[in-house]
């Protein structure tokens, strides 16, 4: 009887200690580049997400997916963001299989593009 119990106990321990399937897909962080003044319409910013599977990240702005022009470098993905509307914006970085999205909430005002720089008023 003891011989049969040992493999069962080892198997149960391995299952209990196995990492969650979601752990591999979680993002570590998300950020948006700092604005000159406030965030402004027509100004371009960089969204950045880091995590083991950053390659699978999609970015969303107020529930709308951003155009998929993300650039991946190892565990970091960057995406341009050019807001077109003023008001509150909820920016989300999402990886399929990750139960917890990373979110940034910010406010966008009218932008003034001066050529070499763009300012949120």
Foldseek 3Di string as FASTA:
>chain_A
DVVVVVVVVVVVVCVVPDDDPQVQFDWPAKDKDDAAAFAAAQFKIKIKIFHQPLVQKWKDKPNHTDPPPWDDDHRMIMDIDHDHDFAKIKMWIDGPSHPDIHIDIGTYAHWDDPPVHIHGD
